[in-house]
N, C-alpha and C. Protein backbone atom coordinates (compact mmCIF):
# COMPACT_ATOMS: atom_id res chain seq x y z
N MET A 1 0.85 -1.20 0.00
CA MET A 1 0.00 0.00 0.00
C MET A 1 0.88 1.24 0.00
N LEU A 2 0.56 2.18 -0.89
CA LEU A 2 1.35 3.40 -0.99
C LEU A 2 1.05 4.34 0.17
N SER A 3 2.07 4.99 0.65
CA SER A 3 1.89 5.96 1.73
C SER A 3 1.26 7.24 1.17
N SER A 4 0.37 7.83 1.96
CA SER A 4 -0.28 9.08 1.55
C SER A 4 0.42 10.31 2.12
N ARG A 5 1.57 10.11 2.75
CA ARG A 5 2.27 11.24 3.37
C ARG A 5 2.74 12.21 2.29
N LYS A 6 2.43 13.49 2.47
CA LYS A 6 2.83 14.50 1.51
C LYS A 6 4.27 14.95 1.77
N ILE A 7 5.00 15.16 0.72
CA ILE A 7 6.38 15.64 0.82
C ILE A 7 6.46 17.02 0.17
N THR A 8 6.91 17.98 0.93
CA THR A 8 7.02 19.33 0.40
C THR A 8 8.23 19.42 -0.54
N PHE A 9 8.25 20.48 -1.33
CA PHE A 9 9.36 20.70 -2.26
C PHE A 9 10.68 20.83 -1.51
N LEU A 10 10.65 21.57 -0.38
CA LEU A 10 11.89 21.77 0.37
C LEU A 10 12.38 20.48 1.02
N GLN A 11 11.43 19.57 1.35
CA GLN A 11 11.84 18.28 1.88
C GLN A 11 12.48 17.42 0.80
N ALA A 12 11.91 17.49 -0.38
CA ALA A 12 12.44 16.70 -1.49
C ALA A 12 13.76 17.26 -2.01
N TYR A 13 13.85 18.61 -2.02
CA TYR A 13 15.05 19.28 -2.52
C TYR A 13 15.52 20.30 -1.48
N PRO A 14 16.12 19.82 -0.40
CA PRO A 14 16.55 20.74 0.66
C PRO A 14 17.62 21.71 0.16
N THR A 15 17.57 22.93 0.67
CA THR A 15 18.57 23.92 0.28
C THR A 15 19.92 23.55 0.87
N ARG A 16 20.96 23.87 0.13
CA ARG A 16 22.31 23.54 0.55
C ARG A 16 23.01 24.81 1.03
N SER A 17 23.48 24.78 2.25
CA SER A 17 24.19 25.95 2.76
C SER A 17 25.57 26.03 2.13
N ILE A 18 26.02 27.25 1.89
CA ILE A 18 27.33 27.48 1.27
C ILE A 18 28.29 27.95 2.35
N PRO A 19 29.44 27.35 2.46
CA PRO A 19 30.40 27.76 3.49
C PRO A 19 30.78 29.23 3.37
N LEU A 20 31.03 29.85 4.51
CA LEU A 20 31.38 31.27 4.53
C LEU A 20 32.61 31.54 3.68
N ALA A 21 33.60 30.67 3.74
CA ALA A 21 34.83 30.89 2.97
C ALA A 21 34.55 30.93 1.47
N GLN A 22 33.59 30.11 1.02
CA GLN A 22 33.24 30.11 -0.40
C GLN A 22 32.53 31.40 -0.78
N LEU A 23 31.61 31.86 0.07
CA LEU A 23 30.92 33.12 -0.20
C LEU A 23 31.92 34.28 -0.24
N GLN A 24 32.86 34.27 0.68
CA GLN A 24 33.87 35.33 0.71
C GLN A 24 34.68 35.36 -0.58
N SER A 25 34.90 34.20 -1.17
CA SER A 25 35.70 34.14 -2.39
C SER A 25 35.01 34.80 -3.58
N TYR A 26 33.69 35.00 -3.49
CA TYR A 26 32.95 35.65 -4.57
C TYR A 26 33.03 37.17 -4.48
N LEU A 27 33.45 37.70 -3.36
CA LEU A 27 33.48 39.15 -3.16
C LEU A 27 34.71 39.75 -3.83
N PRO A 28 34.64 41.03 -4.23
CA PRO A 28 35.78 41.66 -4.92
C PRO A 28 37.05 41.66 -4.07
N TYR A 29 38.16 41.38 -4.70
CA TYR A 29 39.43 41.34 -3.97
C TYR A 29 39.87 42.73 -3.52
N THR A 30 39.27 43.77 -4.11
CA THR A 30 39.63 45.14 -3.74
C THR A 30 38.94 45.61 -2.46
N TRP A 31 37.98 44.82 -1.96
CA TRP A 31 37.31 45.22 -0.72
C TRP A 31 38.29 45.14 0.44
N LEU A 32 38.19 46.11 1.33
CA LEU A 32 39.16 46.24 2.40
C LEU A 32 38.64 45.75 3.75
N SER A 33 37.33 45.65 3.91
CA SER A 33 36.77 45.26 5.21
C SER A 33 36.68 43.74 5.32
N ALA A 34 36.84 43.24 6.55
CA ALA A 34 36.67 41.81 6.81
C ALA A 34 35.18 41.47 6.80
N VAL A 35 34.85 40.27 6.33
CA VAL A 35 33.45 39.86 6.21
C VAL A 35 33.22 38.60 7.05
N ASP A 36 32.20 38.66 7.92
CA ASP A 36 31.79 37.46 8.65
C ASP A 36 30.33 37.17 8.35
N GLU A 37 29.75 36.22 9.05
CA GLU A 37 28.38 35.78 8.74
C GLU A 37 27.35 36.88 8.94
N THR A 38 27.56 37.73 9.94
CA THR A 38 26.59 38.81 10.18
C THR A 38 26.59 39.82 9.05
N ASP A 39 27.72 39.97 8.35
CA ASP A 39 27.81 40.92 7.24
C ASP A 39 27.03 40.45 6.02
N LEU A 40 26.65 39.18 5.99
CA LEU A 40 25.90 38.65 4.86
C LEU A 40 24.41 38.87 5.00
N GLN A 41 23.99 39.51 6.08
CA GLN A 41 22.59 39.83 6.28
C GLN A 41 22.25 41.14 5.57
N LYS A 42 21.03 41.23 5.13
CA LYS A 42 20.58 42.43 4.43
C LYS A 42 20.67 43.64 5.35
N GLY A 43 21.15 44.75 4.82
CA GLY A 43 21.23 45.98 5.58
C GLY A 43 22.56 46.21 6.26
N THR A 44 23.53 45.34 6.01
CA THR A 44 24.85 45.50 6.60
C THR A 44 25.83 45.92 5.51
N TYR A 45 26.48 47.04 5.70
CA TYR A 45 27.44 47.49 4.70
C TYR A 45 28.56 48.29 5.37
N THR A 46 29.66 48.42 4.65
CA THR A 46 30.80 49.20 5.11
C THR A 46 31.17 50.19 4.02
N VAL A 47 31.54 51.39 4.43
CA VAL A 47 31.99 52.42 3.49
C VAL A 47 33.48 52.66 3.71
N ILE A 48 34.24 52.56 2.65
CA ILE A 48 35.68 52.81 2.70
C ILE A 48 35.99 54.02 1.83
N THR A 49 36.52 55.08 2.42
CA THR A 49 36.95 56.24 1.64
C THR A 49 38.28 55.92 0.98
N LEU A 50 38.31 55.99 -0.34
CA LEU A 50 39.51 55.60 -1.08
C LEU A 50 40.63 56.62 -0.94
N ASP A 51 41.82 56.11 -0.84
CA ASP A 51 43.01 56.96 -0.85
C ASP A 51 43.21 57.49 -2.27
N GLU A 52 43.57 58.76 -2.37
CA GLU A 52 43.72 59.38 -3.68
C GLU A 52 44.82 58.74 -4.53
N ASP A 53 45.72 58.02 -3.90
CA ASP A 53 46.80 57.36 -4.64
C ASP A 53 46.46 55.93 -5.03
N SER A 54 45.28 55.44 -4.62
CA SER A 54 44.92 54.05 -4.92
C SER A 54 44.53 53.90 -6.39
N PRO A 55 44.75 52.73 -6.97
CA PRO A 55 44.37 52.50 -8.37
C PRO A 55 42.87 52.69 -8.61
N GLU A 56 42.04 52.28 -7.63
CA GLU A 56 40.59 52.42 -7.79
C GLU A 56 40.19 53.89 -7.86
N TYR A 57 40.78 54.71 -6.99
CA TYR A 57 40.47 56.15 -6.99
C TYR A 57 40.84 56.77 -8.34
N LYS A 58 42.03 56.47 -8.81
CA LYS A 58 42.50 57.06 -10.07
C LYS A 58 41.64 56.62 -11.24
N GLU A 59 41.23 55.36 -11.24
CA GLU A 59 40.39 54.85 -12.33
C GLU A 59 39.03 55.53 -12.35
N ILE A 60 38.38 55.61 -11.19
CA ILE A 60 37.06 56.26 -11.12
C ILE A 60 37.17 57.74 -11.43
N LYS A 61 38.18 58.40 -10.91
CA LYS A 61 38.37 59.83 -11.17
C LYS A 61 38.50 60.09 -12.67
N GLU A 62 39.29 59.28 -13.35
CA GLU A 62 39.48 59.46 -14.79
C GLU A 62 38.17 59.30 -15.55
N GLN A 63 37.38 58.29 -15.18
CA GLN A 63 36.12 58.05 -15.86
C GLN A 63 35.11 59.15 -15.58
N VAL A 64 35.09 59.65 -14.35
CA VAL A 64 34.12 60.67 -13.96
C VAL A 64 34.43 62.02 -14.60
N LEU A 65 35.70 62.35 -14.69
CA LEU A 65 36.08 63.67 -15.20
C LEU A 65 36.12 63.74 -16.72
N LEU A 66 35.98 62.61 -17.39
CA LEU A 66 36.06 62.58 -18.85
C LEU A 66 34.94 63.42 -19.46
N ASN A 67 35.32 64.49 -20.15
CA ASN A 67 34.36 65.38 -20.83
C ASN A 67 33.25 65.86 -19.90
N ASN A 68 33.59 66.13 -18.65
CA ASN A 68 32.58 66.47 -17.65
C ASN A 68 32.82 67.87 -17.10
N SER A 69 32.08 68.83 -17.62
CA SER A 69 32.23 70.21 -17.17
C SER A 69 31.48 70.49 -15.87
N HIS A 70 30.67 69.53 -15.40
CA HIS A 70 29.89 69.73 -14.18
C HIS A 70 30.75 69.56 -12.93
N PHE A 71 31.90 68.94 -13.08
CA PHE A 71 32.77 68.70 -11.93
C PHE A 71 33.85 69.77 -11.85
N LYS A 72 33.85 70.51 -10.75
CA LYS A 72 34.95 71.43 -10.49
C LYS A 72 36.07 70.69 -9.78
N LYS A 73 35.71 69.83 -8.85
CA LYS A 73 36.69 68.98 -8.19
C LYS A 73 35.96 67.83 -7.51
N ILE A 74 36.70 66.77 -7.22
CA ILE A 74 36.15 65.64 -6.47
C ILE A 74 36.51 65.81 -5.01
N CYS A 75 35.50 65.77 -4.15
CA CYS A 75 35.74 65.89 -2.71
C CYS A 75 36.26 64.58 -2.13
N ARG A 76 35.59 63.48 -2.50
CA ARG A 76 36.05 62.16 -2.06
C ARG A 76 35.31 61.09 -2.84
N ILE A 77 35.87 59.88 -2.81
CA ILE A 77 35.23 58.72 -3.43
C ILE A 77 35.14 57.62 -2.39
N ASP A 78 33.92 57.15 -2.13
CA ASP A 78 33.69 56.06 -1.18
C ASP A 78 33.44 54.76 -1.92
N GLN A 79 34.02 53.69 -1.42
CA GLN A 79 33.76 52.35 -1.94
C GLN A 79 32.68 51.69 -1.08
N VAL A 80 31.64 51.18 -1.72
CA VAL A 80 30.52 50.56 -1.01
C VAL A 80 30.75 49.06 -0.93
N GLU A 81 30.82 48.54 0.29
CA GLU A 81 31.05 47.11 0.50
C GLU A 81 29.84 46.51 1.23
N ASN A 82 28.89 46.03 0.44
CA ASN A 82 27.67 45.41 0.97
C ASN A 82 27.62 43.97 0.46
N PRO A 83 28.09 43.01 1.26
CA PRO A 83 28.16 41.62 0.79
C PRO A 83 26.82 41.05 0.34
N TYR A 84 25.75 41.34 1.08
CA TYR A 84 24.44 40.79 0.73
C TYR A 84 24.01 41.29 -0.65
N LEU A 85 24.07 42.60 -0.87
CA LEU A 85 23.65 43.14 -2.16
C LEU A 85 24.53 42.64 -3.29
N PHE A 86 25.82 42.53 -3.02
CA PHE A 86 26.73 42.10 -4.09
C PHE A 86 26.47 40.65 -4.47
N LEU A 87 26.24 39.77 -3.50
CA LEU A 87 25.97 38.37 -3.81
C LEU A 87 24.63 38.21 -4.52
N MET A 88 23.64 39.03 -4.15
CA MET A 88 22.36 39.00 -4.87
C MET A 88 22.55 39.45 -6.31
N TYR A 89 23.41 40.44 -6.50
CA TYR A 89 23.73 40.90 -7.85
C TYR A 89 24.40 39.79 -8.66
N LEU A 90 25.34 39.07 -8.05
CA LEU A 90 26.00 37.97 -8.76
C LEU A 90 25.02 36.88 -9.17
N LEU A 91 24.05 36.57 -8.31
CA LEU A 91 23.02 35.59 -8.66
C LEU A 91 22.20 36.06 -9.86
N LYS A 92 21.83 37.33 -9.84
CA LYS A 92 21.06 37.89 -10.95
C LYS A 92 21.89 37.90 -12.23
N ARG A 93 23.18 38.20 -12.11
CA ARG A 93 24.05 38.21 -13.29
C ARG A 93 24.11 36.83 -13.93
N HIS A 94 24.22 35.80 -13.10
CA HIS A 94 24.24 34.43 -13.62
C HIS A 94 22.91 34.09 -14.29
N GLU A 95 21.82 34.46 -13.65
CA GLU A 95 20.48 34.19 -14.20
C GLU A 95 20.28 34.91 -15.53
N ASN A 96 20.65 36.20 -15.58
CA ASN A 96 20.46 36.98 -16.80
C ASN A 96 21.38 36.53 -17.92
N TYR A 97 22.58 36.07 -17.55
CA TYR A 97 23.49 35.59 -18.59
C TYR A 97 22.92 34.36 -19.28
N LEU A 98 22.31 33.48 -18.49
CA LEU A 98 21.72 32.28 -19.07
C LEU A 98 20.53 32.62 -19.96
N GLU A 99 19.78 33.67 -19.58
CA GLU A 99 18.57 34.02 -20.33
C GLU A 99 18.84 34.98 -21.47
N PHE A 100 19.71 35.99 -21.24
CA PHE A 100 19.88 37.07 -22.22
C PHE A 100 21.30 37.19 -22.78
N PHE A 101 22.28 36.46 -22.23
CA PHE A 101 23.68 36.71 -22.56
C PHE A 101 24.03 38.18 -22.31
N CYS A 102 23.72 38.64 -21.11
CA CYS A 102 23.88 40.05 -20.78
C CYS A 102 25.35 40.42 -20.62
N LYS A 103 25.61 41.72 -20.71
CA LYS A 103 26.93 42.29 -20.46
C LYS A 103 26.88 43.07 -19.15
N GLU A 104 28.03 43.23 -18.55
CA GLU A 104 28.15 44.04 -17.34
C GLU A 104 28.75 45.39 -17.72
N GLU A 105 28.00 46.45 -17.50
CA GLU A 105 28.44 47.80 -17.86
C GLU A 105 28.72 48.60 -16.59
N ARG A 106 29.67 49.52 -16.68
CA ARG A 106 29.87 50.48 -15.60
C ARG A 106 29.09 51.74 -15.96
N CYS A 107 28.13 52.10 -15.12
CA CYS A 107 27.25 53.22 -15.41
C CYS A 107 27.21 54.19 -14.23
N PHE A 108 26.54 55.32 -14.46
CA PHE A 108 26.50 56.39 -13.47
C PHE A 108 25.05 56.80 -13.20
N HIS A 109 24.83 57.29 -11.99
CA HIS A 109 23.48 57.69 -11.56
C HIS A 109 23.61 58.89 -10.63
N GLY A 110 23.08 60.02 -11.03
CA GLY A 110 23.10 61.21 -10.18
C GLY A 110 21.99 61.15 -9.15
N THR A 111 22.30 61.52 -7.91
CA THR A 111 21.30 61.49 -6.85
C THR A 111 21.64 62.54 -5.80
N ALA A 112 20.88 62.55 -4.70
CA ALA A 112 21.12 63.48 -3.59
C ALA A 112 21.89 62.77 -2.50
N THR A 113 22.69 63.51 -1.76
CA THR A 113 23.45 62.92 -0.66
C THR A 113 22.52 62.29 0.39
N THR A 114 21.31 62.82 0.51
CA THR A 114 20.35 62.29 1.49
C THR A 114 19.84 60.90 1.11
N ASN A 115 20.04 60.49 -0.14
CA ASN A 115 19.58 59.17 -0.58
C ASN A 115 20.63 58.08 -0.40
N VAL A 116 21.87 58.48 -0.12
CA VAL A 116 22.98 57.53 -0.19
C VAL A 116 22.86 56.40 0.82
N ASP A 117 22.51 56.70 2.06
CA ASP A 117 22.43 55.65 3.08
C ASP A 117 21.39 54.60 2.70
N SER A 118 20.24 55.03 2.22
CA SER A 118 19.20 54.09 1.82
C SER A 118 19.66 53.22 0.65
N ILE A 119 20.38 53.83 -0.30
CA ILE A 119 20.86 53.08 -1.46
C ILE A 119 21.91 52.06 -1.04
N MET A 120 22.81 52.46 -0.14
CA MET A 120 23.83 51.52 0.34
C MET A 120 23.21 50.35 1.09
N ASN A 121 22.11 50.61 1.79
CA ASN A 121 21.42 49.57 2.55
C ASN A 121 20.61 48.64 1.65
N ASN A 122 19.83 49.24 0.75
CA ASN A 122 18.80 48.49 0.04
C ASN A 122 18.94 48.49 -1.47
N ASN A 123 19.94 49.17 -1.99
CA ASN A 123 20.15 49.34 -3.43
C ASN A 123 19.15 50.37 -3.99
N LEU A 124 19.35 50.72 -5.23
CA LEU A 124 18.40 51.60 -5.91
C LEU A 124 17.10 50.84 -6.14
N ASN A 125 16.00 51.53 -5.96
CA ASN A 125 14.69 50.89 -6.09
C ASN A 125 13.97 51.45 -7.30
N TRP A 126 13.71 50.61 -8.29
CA TRP A 126 13.07 51.07 -9.52
C TRP A 126 11.67 51.60 -9.28
N ARG A 127 11.08 51.28 -8.12
CA ARG A 127 9.72 51.74 -7.83
C ARG A 127 9.68 53.22 -7.48
N PHE A 128 10.83 53.78 -7.07
CA PHE A 128 10.86 55.16 -6.60
C PHE A 128 11.68 56.10 -7.46
N PHE A 129 12.53 55.57 -8.33
CA PHE A 129 13.46 56.43 -9.06
C PHE A 129 12.95 56.74 -10.45
N GLY A 130 13.57 57.76 -11.06
CA GLY A 130 13.21 58.18 -12.40
C GLY A 130 12.25 59.35 -12.45
N ARG A 131 11.75 59.77 -11.29
CA ARG A 131 10.75 60.84 -11.27
C ARG A 131 11.33 62.18 -11.69
N ARG A 132 12.62 62.40 -11.40
CA ARG A 132 13.22 63.70 -11.70
C ARG A 132 13.36 63.93 -13.20
N VAL A 133 13.40 62.87 -13.99
CA VAL A 133 13.49 63.03 -15.43
C VAL A 133 12.15 62.76 -16.10
N GLY A 134 11.10 62.59 -15.29
CA GLY A 134 9.76 62.47 -15.82
C GLY A 134 9.42 61.11 -16.41
N HIS A 135 10.20 60.09 -16.11
CA HIS A 135 9.94 58.74 -16.64
C HIS A 135 9.83 58.74 -18.16
N ILE A 136 10.62 59.57 -18.83
CA ILE A 136 10.50 59.71 -20.28
C ILE A 136 10.73 58.40 -21.01
N HIS A 137 11.65 57.59 -20.50
CA HIS A 137 12.01 56.35 -21.18
C HIS A 137 11.53 55.11 -20.44
N GLY A 138 10.68 55.29 -19.43
CA GLY A 138 10.16 54.15 -18.69
C GLY A 138 10.21 54.38 -17.19
N LYS A 139 9.42 53.60 -16.46
CA LYS A 139 9.30 53.75 -15.01
C LYS A 139 10.25 52.79 -14.31
N GLY A 140 11.54 53.13 -14.37
CA GLY A 140 12.56 52.30 -13.75
C GLY A 140 13.67 53.15 -13.18
N VAL A 141 14.83 52.54 -12.93
CA VAL A 141 16.00 53.26 -12.43
C VAL A 141 16.83 53.70 -13.62
N TYR A 142 17.19 54.98 -13.63
CA TYR A 142 17.91 55.57 -14.76
C TYR A 142 19.41 55.57 -14.53
N PHE A 143 20.15 55.10 -15.54
CA PHE A 143 21.60 55.13 -15.53
C PHE A 143 22.09 55.73 -16.85
N SER A 144 23.36 56.08 -16.85
CA SER A 144 24.01 56.52 -18.08
C SER A 144 25.43 55.98 -18.10
N LYS A 145 25.93 55.66 -19.29
CA LYS A 145 27.33 55.28 -19.42
C LYS A 145 28.24 56.50 -19.36
N LYS A 146 27.64 57.67 -19.42
CA LYS A 146 28.41 58.92 -19.43
C LYS A 146 28.23 59.65 -18.10
N ALA A 147 29.33 59.81 -17.37
CA ALA A 147 29.26 60.51 -16.08
C ALA A 147 28.80 61.94 -16.25
N ALA A 148 29.21 62.58 -17.34
CA ALA A 148 28.83 63.97 -17.58
C ALA A 148 27.32 64.10 -17.70
N PHE A 149 26.67 63.14 -18.34
CA PHE A 149 25.21 63.18 -18.48
C PHE A 149 24.53 62.93 -17.15
N ALA A 150 24.96 61.89 -16.44
CA ALA A 150 24.32 61.53 -15.17
C ALA A 150 24.49 62.60 -14.11
N SER A 151 25.63 63.30 -14.11
CA SER A 151 25.89 64.29 -13.07
C SER A 151 24.95 65.49 -13.16
N GLN A 152 24.30 65.66 -14.31
CA GLN A 152 23.32 66.74 -14.44
C GLN A 152 22.13 66.53 -13.51
N TYR A 153 21.90 65.29 -13.10
CA TYR A 153 20.74 64.95 -12.28
C TYR A 153 21.10 64.76 -10.81
N ALA A 154 22.34 65.12 -10.46
CA ALA A 154 22.73 65.09 -9.05
C ALA A 154 22.06 66.27 -8.33
N LYS A 155 21.45 65.99 -7.20
CA LYS A 155 20.80 67.04 -6.42
C LYS A 155 21.76 67.52 -5.34
N TYR A 156 22.08 68.82 -5.39
CA TYR A 156 23.09 69.37 -4.48
C TYR A 156 22.52 69.62 -3.08
N CYS A 157 23.33 69.32 -2.08
CA CYS A 157 23.00 69.60 -0.68
C CYS A 157 24.23 70.22 -0.04
N ASN A 158 24.08 71.45 0.46
CA ASN A 158 25.23 72.19 1.02
C ASN A 158 26.38 72.26 0.01
N ASN A 159 26.00 72.50 -1.25
CA ASN A 159 26.96 72.65 -2.35
C ASN A 159 27.74 71.38 -2.66
N ILE A 160 27.25 70.23 -2.22
CA ILE A 160 27.89 68.95 -2.51
C ILE A 160 26.96 68.12 -3.40
N GLY A 161 27.48 67.69 -4.54
CA GLY A 161 26.73 66.80 -5.42
C GLY A 161 27.15 65.36 -5.22
N CYS A 162 26.36 64.45 -5.74
CA CYS A 162 26.60 63.02 -5.49
C CYS A 162 26.35 62.22 -6.76
N LEU A 163 27.33 61.39 -7.11
CA LEU A 163 27.23 60.56 -8.31
C LEU A 163 27.56 59.12 -7.93
N LEU A 164 26.65 58.20 -8.25
CA LEU A 164 26.89 56.79 -8.01
C LEU A 164 27.56 56.16 -9.22
N VAL A 165 28.51 55.28 -8.95
CA VAL A 165 29.14 54.48 -10.00
C VAL A 165 28.70 53.04 -9.76
N ALA A 166 28.06 52.44 -10.76
CA ALA A 166 27.41 51.14 -10.53
C ALA A 166 27.75 50.13 -11.61
N LYS A 167 27.77 48.86 -11.20
CA LYS A 167 27.75 47.76 -12.16
C LYS A 167 26.31 47.56 -12.59
N VAL A 168 26.06 47.48 -13.90
CA VAL A 168 24.70 47.34 -14.41
C VAL A 168 24.67 46.24 -15.47
N LEU A 169 23.69 45.36 -15.36
CA LEU A 169 23.52 44.28 -16.33
C LEU A 169 22.67 44.76 -17.50
N VAL A 170 23.21 44.65 -18.72
CA VAL A 170 22.51 45.12 -19.91
C VAL A 170 22.64 44.07 -21.00
N ALA A 171 21.52 43.68 -21.59
CA ALA A 171 21.54 42.75 -22.72
C ALA A 171 21.03 43.46 -23.96
N SER A 172 19.72 43.66 -24.05
CA SER A 172 19.11 44.29 -25.22
C SER A 172 18.31 45.50 -24.78
N VAL A 173 18.50 46.61 -25.50
CA VAL A 173 17.84 47.87 -25.14
C VAL A 173 16.71 48.15 -26.13
N ALA A 174 15.51 48.37 -25.60
CA ALA A 174 14.34 48.70 -26.41
C ALA A 174 13.94 50.15 -26.17
N GLN A 175 13.14 50.67 -27.07
CA GLN A 175 12.60 52.00 -26.89
C GLN A 175 11.51 51.96 -25.81
N GLY A 176 11.54 52.92 -24.89
CA GLY A 176 10.51 53.01 -23.87
C GLY A 176 9.85 54.37 -23.90
N ASP A 177 8.78 54.53 -23.13
CA ASP A 177 8.14 55.83 -23.01
C ASP A 177 7.64 55.99 -21.58
N SER A 178 6.92 57.06 -21.32
CA SER A 178 6.51 57.39 -19.95
C SER A 178 5.55 56.37 -19.35
N GLN A 179 4.96 55.51 -20.18
CA GLN A 179 4.02 54.51 -19.68
C GLN A 179 4.65 53.12 -19.55
N THR A 180 5.91 52.97 -19.92
CA THR A 180 6.56 51.67 -19.90
C THR A 180 6.84 51.23 -18.46
N ILE A 181 6.33 50.07 -18.08
CA ILE A 181 6.60 49.54 -16.75
C ILE A 181 7.49 48.30 -16.81
N LEU A 182 7.63 47.72 -18.01
CA LEU A 182 8.54 46.60 -18.26
C LEU A 182 9.02 46.69 -19.70
N PRO A 183 10.24 46.27 -20.00
CA PRO A 183 10.69 46.26 -21.40
C PRO A 183 9.87 45.29 -22.23
N ALA A 184 9.91 45.47 -23.54
CA ALA A 184 9.23 44.55 -24.45
C ALA A 184 9.83 43.15 -24.34
N GLN A 185 9.11 42.16 -24.83
CA GLN A 185 9.58 40.78 -24.76
C GLN A 185 10.95 40.65 -25.42
N ASN A 186 11.83 39.87 -24.80
CA ASN A 186 13.20 39.63 -25.26
C ASN A 186 14.14 40.81 -25.04
N TYR A 187 13.68 41.80 -24.28
CA TYR A 187 14.53 42.93 -23.89
C TYR A 187 14.57 43.02 -22.37
N ASP A 188 15.65 43.56 -21.85
CA ASP A 188 15.76 43.71 -20.40
C ASP A 188 15.95 45.15 -19.97
N THR A 189 16.07 46.06 -20.95
CA THR A 189 16.41 47.46 -20.68
C THR A 189 15.70 48.34 -21.68
N THR A 190 15.34 49.56 -21.27
CA THR A 190 14.88 50.56 -22.22
C THR A 190 15.82 51.76 -22.14
N GLY A 191 15.66 52.68 -23.09
CA GLY A 191 16.51 53.87 -23.04
C GLY A 191 16.85 54.41 -24.40
N SER A 192 17.95 55.17 -24.44
CA SER A 192 18.38 55.82 -25.68
C SER A 192 19.89 55.65 -25.85
N GLY A 193 20.33 54.42 -25.82
CA GLY A 193 21.75 54.17 -26.03
C GLY A 193 22.59 54.47 -24.81
N ASP A 194 23.77 55.08 -25.04
CA ASP A 194 24.70 55.33 -23.95
C ASP A 194 24.21 56.39 -22.98
N ASP A 195 23.43 57.36 -23.46
CA ASP A 195 23.00 58.46 -22.59
C ASP A 195 22.07 57.98 -21.49
N ILE A 196 21.10 57.16 -21.83
CA ILE A 196 20.10 56.73 -20.85
C ILE A 196 19.86 55.23 -20.97
N LEU A 197 19.97 54.54 -19.84
CA LEU A 197 19.61 53.13 -19.72
C LEU A 197 18.67 53.00 -18.53
N VAL A 198 17.53 52.36 -18.73
CA VAL A 198 16.53 52.23 -17.68
C VAL A 198 16.38 50.75 -17.32
N LYS A 199 16.53 50.46 -16.02
CA LYS A 199 16.44 49.09 -15.53
C LYS A 199 15.20 48.91 -14.66
N TYR A 200 14.63 47.69 -14.70
CA TYR A 200 13.35 47.43 -14.04
C TYR A 200 13.39 46.31 -13.01
N GLY A 201 14.41 45.49 -13.03
CA GLY A 201 14.44 44.32 -12.16
C GLY A 201 15.28 44.54 -10.92
N ASP A 202 14.91 43.88 -9.84
CA ASP A 202 15.71 43.93 -8.62
C ASP A 202 17.06 43.26 -8.85
N ASN A 203 18.09 43.81 -8.22
CA ASN A 203 19.44 43.22 -8.20
C ASN A 203 20.13 43.19 -9.56
N GLU A 204 19.65 43.96 -10.52
CA GLU A 204 20.30 44.03 -11.83
C GLU A 204 21.40 45.10 -11.86
N PHE A 205 21.70 45.65 -10.70
CA PHE A 205 22.74 46.68 -10.60
C PHE A 205 23.29 46.66 -9.18
N TYR A 206 24.53 47.12 -9.06
CA TYR A 206 25.16 47.19 -7.74
C TYR A 206 25.94 48.49 -7.64
N PRO A 207 25.66 49.33 -6.63
CA PRO A 207 26.38 50.61 -6.47
C PRO A 207 27.78 50.37 -5.91
N GLU A 208 28.80 50.49 -6.76
CA GLU A 208 30.17 50.21 -6.34
C GLU A 208 30.80 51.36 -5.56
N PHE A 209 30.60 52.58 -6.07
CA PHE A 209 31.27 53.75 -5.51
C PHE A 209 30.30 54.92 -5.42
N VAL A 210 30.60 55.82 -4.50
CA VAL A 210 29.87 57.09 -4.39
C VAL A 210 30.90 58.21 -4.53
N VAL A 211 30.68 59.06 -5.52
CA VAL A 211 31.59 60.18 -5.77
C VAL A 211 30.93 61.46 -5.29
N TYR A 212 31.59 62.17 -4.38
CA TYR A 212 31.09 63.46 -3.89
C TYR A 212 31.89 64.56 -4.56
N PHE A 213 31.17 65.57 -5.07
CA PHE A 213 31.85 66.64 -5.79
C PHE A 213 31.21 67.99 -5.50
């Protein structure tokens, strides 16, 4: 006689825990803070102000100042080290690569200094961003491959502007408009080429650095 006992999906396919050392190996080698199990919880992050002589500082500075008349000088560059957000981003990158053969782009996003803590904690939220440009290309998070373009949308506080430097997953870009809430089928992004890229999915971007100017 067959047993009528029900087996749940999790019982049939239990989740496998990943050792801390393995998770740590997925994090960028340029991160300076030590990571333990508590750091892998959502909402835990560390900010490292880069030394002006470091390779990371020089690289970001060069990219930000390229053809950028909005910058008079850089006050500082912070490196965002959020293990939870970064690992979620890596999972999404793997998923999107299998589905779209996506590329990883370095993009920029102008914002206000008052938004930085929330972004470092929870990432950019497509449900709330894009309002300052009127959702012209879609109701998502707006990025640009050009720092000069993105810095126009930085909101100044006490004469300090703020520009995020982010890893962004991009496969195919479709035309969007103010009513677009998702890209067309077989597309993952809307926008207008290098100037504007609009993202709609959670964890499809990771804020690497914050540039104050």
